C-alpha atoms as a PDB file:
ATOM      1  CA  UNK A   1      11.829  -2.152   5.790  1.00  0.00           C
ATOM      2  CA  UNK A   2       9.257  -0.179   3.814  1.00  0.00           C
ATOM      3  CA  UNK A   3      10.125   3.119   2.076  1.00  0.00           C
ATOM      4  CA  UNK A   4       9.456   6.321   4.017  1.00  0.00           C
ATOM      5  CA  UNK A   5       9.114   8.560   0.952  1.00  0.00           C
ATOM      6  CA  UNK A   6       5.427   8.537  -0.147  1.00  0.00           C
ATOM      7  CA  UNK A   7       6.205   8.160  -3.866  1.00  0.00           C
ATOM      8  CA  UNK A   8       8.551   5.247  -3.245  1.00  0.00           C
ATOM      9  CA  UNK A   9       6.039   3.749  -0.813  1.00  0.00           C
ATOM     10  CA  UNK A  10       3.348   3.929  -3.500  1.00  0.00           C
ATOM     11  CA  UNK A  11       5.524   2.029  -5.939  1.00  0.00           C
ATOM     12  CA  UNK A  12       6.519  -0.541  -3.307  1.00  0.00           C
ATOM     13  CA  UNK A  13       2.967  -1.185  -2.104  1.00  0.00           C
ATOM     14  CA  UNK A  14       1.452  -1.418  -5.592  1.00  0.00           C
ATOM     15  CA  UNK A  15       4.192  -3.831  -6.672  1.00  0.00           C
ATOM     16  CA  UNK A  16       3.497  -6.058  -3.652  1.00  0.00           C
ATOM     17  CA  UNK A  17      -0.246  -5.923  -4.327  1.00  0.00           C
ATOM     18  CA  UNK A  18       0.199  -6.683  -8.009  1.00  0.00           C
ATOM     19  CA  UNK A  19       2.724  -9.503  -7.658  1.00  0.00           C
ATOM     20  CA  UNK A  20       2.115 -11.109  -4.268  1.00  0.00           C
ATOM     21  CA  UNK A  21      -1.148 -10.155  -2.550  1.00  0.00           C
ATOM     22  CA  UNK A  22      -4.786 -10.022  -3.625  1.00  0.00           C
ATOM     23  CA  UNK A  23      -5.808  -7.835  -0.668  1.00  0.00           C
ATOM     24  CA  UNK A  24      -4.260  -4.825   1.087  1.00  0.00           C
ATOM     25  CA  UNK A  25      -5.308  -6.066   4.533  1.00  0.00           C
ATOM     26  CA  UNK A  26      -3.675  -9.446   3.979  1.00  0.00           C
ATOM     27  CA  UNK A  27      -0.480  -7.745   2.804  1.00  0.00           C
ATOM     28  CA  UNK A  28      -0.351  -5.579   5.940  1.00  0.00           C
ATOM     29  CA  UNK A  29      -1.032  -8.540   8.204  1.00  0.00           C
ATOM     30  CA  UNK A  30       1.559 -10.737   6.500  1.00  0.00           C
ATOM     31  CA  UNK A  31       4.210  -8.005   6.505  1.00  0.00           C
ATOM     32  CA  UNK A  32       3.271  -6.869  10.036  1.00  0.00           C
ATOM     33  CA  UNK A  33       2.799  -3.243   8.990  1.00  0.00           C
ATOM     34  CA  UNK A  34       0.221  -0.617   9.949  1.00  0.00           C
ATOM     35  CA  UNK A  35      -2.203  -0.273   7.045  1.00  0.00           C
ATOM     36  CA  UNK A  36      -3.726   2.925   8.425  1.00  0.00           C
ATOM     37  CA  UNK A  37      -0.299   4.565   8.507  1.00  0.00           C
ATOM     38  CA  UNK A  38       0.323   3.570   4.887  1.00  0.00           C
ATOM     39  CA  UNK A  39      -3.095   4.835   3.823  1.00  0.00           C
ATOM     40  CA  UNK A  40      -2.466   8.175   5.558  1.00  0.00           C
ATOM     41  CA  UNK A  41       0.970   8.576   4.010  1.00  0.00           C
ATOM     42  CA  UNK A  42      -0.349   7.788   0.524  1.00  0.00           C
ATOM     43  CA  UNK A  43      -3.349  10.064   1.049  1.00  0.00           C
ATOM     44  CA  UNK A  44      -0.829  12.884   1.538  1.00  0.00           C
ATOM     45  CA  UNK A  45       0.006  12.507  -2.176  1.00  0.00           C
ATOM     46  CA  UNK A  46      -3.655  12.015  -3.156  1.00  0.00           C
ATOM     47  CA  UNK A  47      -3.707   8.231  -3.477  1.00  0.00           C
ATOM     48  CA  UNK A  48      -6.239   5.884  -1.925  1.00  0.00           C
ATOM     49  CA  UNK A  49      -6.783   2.135  -2.021  1.00  0.00           C
ATOM     50  CA  UNK A  50      -9.151   0.856  -4.710  1.00  0.00           C
ATOM     51  CA  UNK A  51     -10.309  -2.581  -3.601  1.00  0.00           C
ATOM     52  CA  UNK A  52     -11.630  -3.479  -7.058  1.00  0.00           C
ATOM     53  CA  UNK A  53      -8.297  -2.768  -8.707  1.00  0.00           C
ATOM     54  CA  UNK A  54      -6.313  -3.937  -5.670  1.00  0.00           C
ATOM     55  CA  UNK A  55      -4.001  -0.971  -5.919  1.00  0.00           C
ATOM     56  CA  UNK A  56      -3.565   2.601  -4.772  1.00  0.00           C
ATOM     57  CA  UNK A  57      -4.837   5.013  -7.407  1.00  0.00           C
END
């Protein structure tokens, strides 16, 4: 359901956060996905979640 490629995943997650969710944890819970796995995959391309901005930067 979610993209496997880290760059595509970044775009997907940031779009969901921007348009539908005000919190990464709520998004993961609602979509029934492993937030730690997403964070690790995005960390592999030097992105991390910024709670203030509600996006991966």
